[in-house]
Amino acid sequence: MATDTRNERENILANIHQHWQGTYQPGSVDYSAWRRLEPALVAELLDNVPVAARHEARRLLADLQQHPWRILSAKGGKGAEGLQLTLQLKGRQVQLQCSDSPALRVVGITG
């Protein structure tokens, strides 16, 4: 059973990476806040969302596997602002509002 889950996870990551088109433009990522910004991190973030955002996260994860996407921006922030990751997918922008306390996780999805 664990092998099936691992293989499924590897397939998801391969599909997401295949459709990833990188970042929109140089300088749009705050690497001091986002040290490891890659398709695998986006998949991990979408796997660990609050219950209220799970449906949207699953839909977004499925879209990332099937359509070209890119990172428009990744910003750092403190307090209520938090970390923001903006993706472009299917002609729309999707924002992932994240918190890094106690661990990096998505707290909201809009767009």
C-alpha atoms as a PDB file:
ATOM      1  CA  MET A   1       0.000   0.000   0.000  1.00  0.00           C
ATOM      2  CA  ALA A   2       2.794   2.439   0.860  1.00  0.00           C
ATOM      3  CA  THR A   3       4.400   1.784  -2.533  1.00  0.00           C
ATOM      4  CA  ASP A   4       1.181   2.712  -4.346  1.00  0.00           C
ATOM      5  CA  THR A   5       0.983   5.963  -2.413  1.00  0.00           C
ATOM      6  CA  ARG A   6       4.634   6.756  -3.116  1.00  0.00           C
ATOM      7  CA  ASN A   7       4.226   5.963  -6.829  1.00  0.00           C
ATOM      8  CA  GLU A   8       1.073   8.082  -7.007  1.00  0.00           C
ATOM      9  CA  ARG A   9       2.911  10.952  -5.301  1.00  0.00           C
ATOM     10  CA  GLU A  10       5.842  10.628  -7.713  1.00  0.00           C
ATOM     11  CA  ASN A  11       3.448  10.720 -10.682  1.00  0.00           C
ATOM     12  CA  ILE A  12       1.745  13.848  -9.333  1.00  0.00           C
ATOM     13  CA  LEU A  13       5.108  15.580  -8.860  1.00  0.00           C
ATOM     14  CA  ALA A  14       6.290  14.543 -12.335  1.00  0.00           C
ATOM     15  CA  ASN A  15       3.106  15.915 -13.936  1.00  0.00           C
ATOM     16  CA  ILE A  16       3.294  19.176 -12.011  1.00  0.00           C
ATOM     17  CA  HIS A  17       6.950  19.635 -12.904  1.00  0.00           C
ATOM     18  CA  GLN A  18       6.262  18.849 -16.567  1.00  0.00           C
ATOM     19  CA  HIS A  19       3.737  21.706 -16.788  1.00  0.00           C
ATOM     20  CA  TRP A  20       5.725  24.213 -14.714  1.00  0.00           C
ATOM     21  CA  GLN A  21       6.972  27.176 -16.733  1.00  0.00           C
ATOM     22  CA  GLY A  22       9.132  28.748 -14.032  1.00  0.00           C
ATOM     23  CA  THR A  23       8.741  32.270 -12.752  1.00  0.00           C
ATOM     24  CA  TYR A  24       7.159  35.118 -14.652  1.00  0.00           C
ATOM     25  CA  GLN A  25      10.073  37.499 -14.451  1.00  0.00           C
ATOM     26  CA  PRO A  26      13.371  37.802 -12.597  1.00  0.00           C
ATOM     27  CA  GLY A  27      13.051  39.573  -9.267  1.00  0.00           C
ATOM     28  CA  SER A  28       9.477  38.473  -8.640  1.00  0.00           C
ATOM     29  CA  VAL A  29      10.537  36.037  -5.906  1.00  0.00           C
ATOM     30  CA  ASP A  30      11.737  37.000  -2.427  1.00  0.00           C
ATOM     31  CA  TYR A  31      14.254  34.195  -1.923  1.00  0.00           C
ATOM     32  CA  SER A  32      14.960  35.293   1.643  1.00  0.00           C
ATOM     33  CA  ALA A  33      11.397  34.196   2.494  1.00  0.00           C
ATOM     34  CA  TRP A  34      11.103  31.384  -0.074  1.00  0.00           C
ATOM     35  CA  ARG A  35      14.375  29.470   0.069  1.00  0.00           C
ATOM     36  CA  ARG A  36      13.109  26.398  -1.803  1.00  0.00           C
ATOM     37  CA  LEU A  37      10.614  27.469  -4.441  1.00  0.00           C
ATOM     38  CA  GLU A  38       9.942  24.598  -6.810  1.00  0.00           C
ATOM     39  CA  PRO A  39       6.997  22.478  -8.006  1.00  0.00           C
ATOM     40  CA  ALA A  40       7.485  19.951  -5.179  1.00  0.00           C
ATOM     41  CA  LEU A  41       7.046  22.702  -2.575  1.00  0.00           C
ATOM     42  CA  VAL A  42       3.817  23.898  -4.206  1.00  0.00           C
ATOM     43  CA  ALA A  43       2.510  20.306  -4.138  1.00  0.00           C
ATOM     44  CA  GLU A  44       3.486  19.937  -0.467  1.00  0.00           C
ATOM     45  CA  LEU A  45       1.736  23.184   0.413  1.00  0.00           C
ATOM     46  CA  LEU A  46      -1.452  22.055  -1.327  1.00  0.00           C
ATOM     47  CA  ASP A  47      -1.324  18.704   0.490  1.00  0.00           C
ATOM     48  CA  ASN A  48      -1.361  20.381   3.902  1.00  0.00           C
ATOM     49  CA  VAL A  49      -4.201  22.907   3.821  1.00  0.00           C
ATOM     50  CA  PRO A  50      -6.896  23.532   6.439  1.00  0.00           C
ATOM     51  CA  VAL A  51     -10.115  21.551   6.050  1.00  0.00           C
ATOM     52  CA  ALA A  52     -11.987  24.578   4.690  1.00  0.00           C
ATOM     53  CA  ALA A  53      -9.577  24.895   1.744  1.00  0.00           C
ATOM     54  CA  ARG A  54      -9.110  21.215   0.862  1.00  0.00           C
ATOM     55  CA  HIS A  55     -11.603  21.117  -2.011  1.00  0.00           C
ATOM     56  CA  GLU A  56      -9.998  24.141  -3.696  1.00  0.00           C
ATOM     57  CA  ALA A  57      -6.500  22.760  -3.037  1.00  0.00           C
ATOM     58  CA  ARG A  58      -7.349  19.405  -4.642  1.00  0.00           C
ATOM     59  CA  ARG A  59      -8.856  21.149  -7.658  1.00  0.00           C
ATOM     60  CA  LEU A  60      -5.790  23.362  -7.983  1.00  0.00           C
ATOM     61  CA  LEU A  61      -3.438  20.382  -7.644  1.00  0.00           C
ATOM     62  CA  ALA A  62      -5.318  18.592 -10.435  1.00  0.00           C
ATOM     63  CA  ASP A  63      -5.106  21.693 -12.667  1.00  0.00           C
ATOM     64  CA  LEU A  64      -1.355  22.005 -12.024  1.00  0.00           C
ATOM     65  CA  GLN A  65      -0.933  18.464 -13.334  1.00  0.00           C
ATOM     66  CA  GLN A  66      -2.863  19.135 -16.537  1.00  0.00           C
ATOM     67  CA  HIS A  67      -2.166  22.720 -17.585  1.00  0.00           C
ATOM     68  CA  PRO A  68       0.881  24.976 -18.004  1.00  0.00           C
ATOM     69  CA  TRP A  69       1.456  27.136 -14.933  1.00  0.00           C
ATOM     70  CA  ARG A  70       4.003  29.554 -13.585  1.00  0.00           C
ATOM     71  CA  ILE A  71       4.883  31.450 -10.459  1.00  0.00           C
ATOM     72  CA  LEU A  72       4.034  35.137 -10.877  1.00  0.00           C
ATOM     73  CA  SER A  73       5.385  36.216  -7.515  1.00  0.00           C
ATOM     74  CA  ALA A  74       6.443  34.961  -4.120  1.00  0.00           C
ATOM     75  CA  LYS A  75       6.543  37.544  -1.363  1.00  0.00           C
ATOM     76  CA  GLY A  76       7.615  37.450   2.228  1.00  0.00           C
ATOM     77  CA  GLY A  77       5.776  39.115   5.057  1.00  0.00           C
ATOM     78  CA  LYS A  78       5.301  39.272   8.774  1.00  0.00           C
ATOM     79  CA  GLY A  79       2.229  39.014  10.943  1.00  0.00           C
ATOM     80  CA  ALA A  80      -1.138  39.286   9.221  1.00  0.00           C
ATOM     81  CA  GLU A  81       0.441  39.762   5.791  1.00  0.00           C
ATOM     82  CA  GLY A  82       2.270  36.440   5.919  1.00  0.00           C
ATOM     83  CA  LEU A  83       3.838  34.846   2.896  1.00  0.00           C
ATOM     84  CA  GLN A  84       2.090  35.097  -0.468  1.00  0.00           C
ATOM     85  CA  LEU A  85       2.588  32.901  -3.482  1.00  0.00           C
ATOM     86  CA  THR A  86       0.819  33.927  -6.703  1.00  0.00           C
ATOM     87  CA  LEU A  87       0.443  31.373  -9.487  1.00  0.00           C
ATOM     88  CA  GLN A  88      -0.791  31.845 -13.036  1.00  0.00           C
ATOM     89  CA  LEU A  89      -2.849  28.965 -14.369  1.00  0.00           C
ATOM     90  CA  LYS A  90      -5.399  28.727 -17.174  1.00  0.00           C
ATOM     91  CA  GLY A  91      -5.372  32.496 -17.686  1.00  0.00           C
ATOM     92  CA  ARG A  92      -6.125  33.319 -14.055  1.00  0.00           C
ATOM     93  CA  GLN A  93      -4.151  34.218 -10.970  1.00  0.00           C
ATOM     94  CA  VAL A  94      -4.378  32.127  -7.818  1.00  0.00           C
ATOM     95  CA  GLN A  95      -2.987  33.396  -4.528  1.00  0.00           C
ATOM     96  CA  LEU A  96      -1.837  31.097  -1.786  1.00  0.00           C
ATOM     97  CA  GLN A  97      -1.753  32.919   1.536  1.00  0.00           C
ATOM     98  CA  CYS A  98       0.776  31.103   3.706  1.00  0.00           C
ATOM     99  CA  SER A  99       2.008  31.087   7.266  1.00  0.00           C
ATOM    100  CA  ASP A 100       5.438  29.938   8.354  1.00  0.00           C
ATOM    101  CA  SER A 101       4.577  29.381  11.989  1.00  0.00           C
ATOM    102  CA  PRO A 102       5.015  26.738  13.281  1.00  0.00           C
ATOM    103  CA  ALA A 103       5.717  25.294   9.808  1.00  0.00           C
ATOM    104  CA  LEU A 104       5.154  26.535   6.257  1.00  0.00           C
ATOM    105  CA  ARG A 105       1.536  25.917   5.264  1.00  0.00           C
ATOM    106  CA  VAL A 106      -1.277  27.399   3.198  1.00  0.00           C
ATOM    107  CA  VAL A 107      -3.936  29.185   5.234  1.00  0.00           C
ATOM    108  CA  GLY A 108      -6.026  30.475   2.337  1.00  0.00           C
ATOM    109  CA  ILE A 109      -6.536  30.176  -1.431  1.00  0.00           C
ATOM    110  CA  THR A 110      -8.108  32.909  -3.565  1.00  0.00           C
ATOM    111  CA  GLY A 111      -8.575  33.444  -7.272  1.00  0.00           C
END
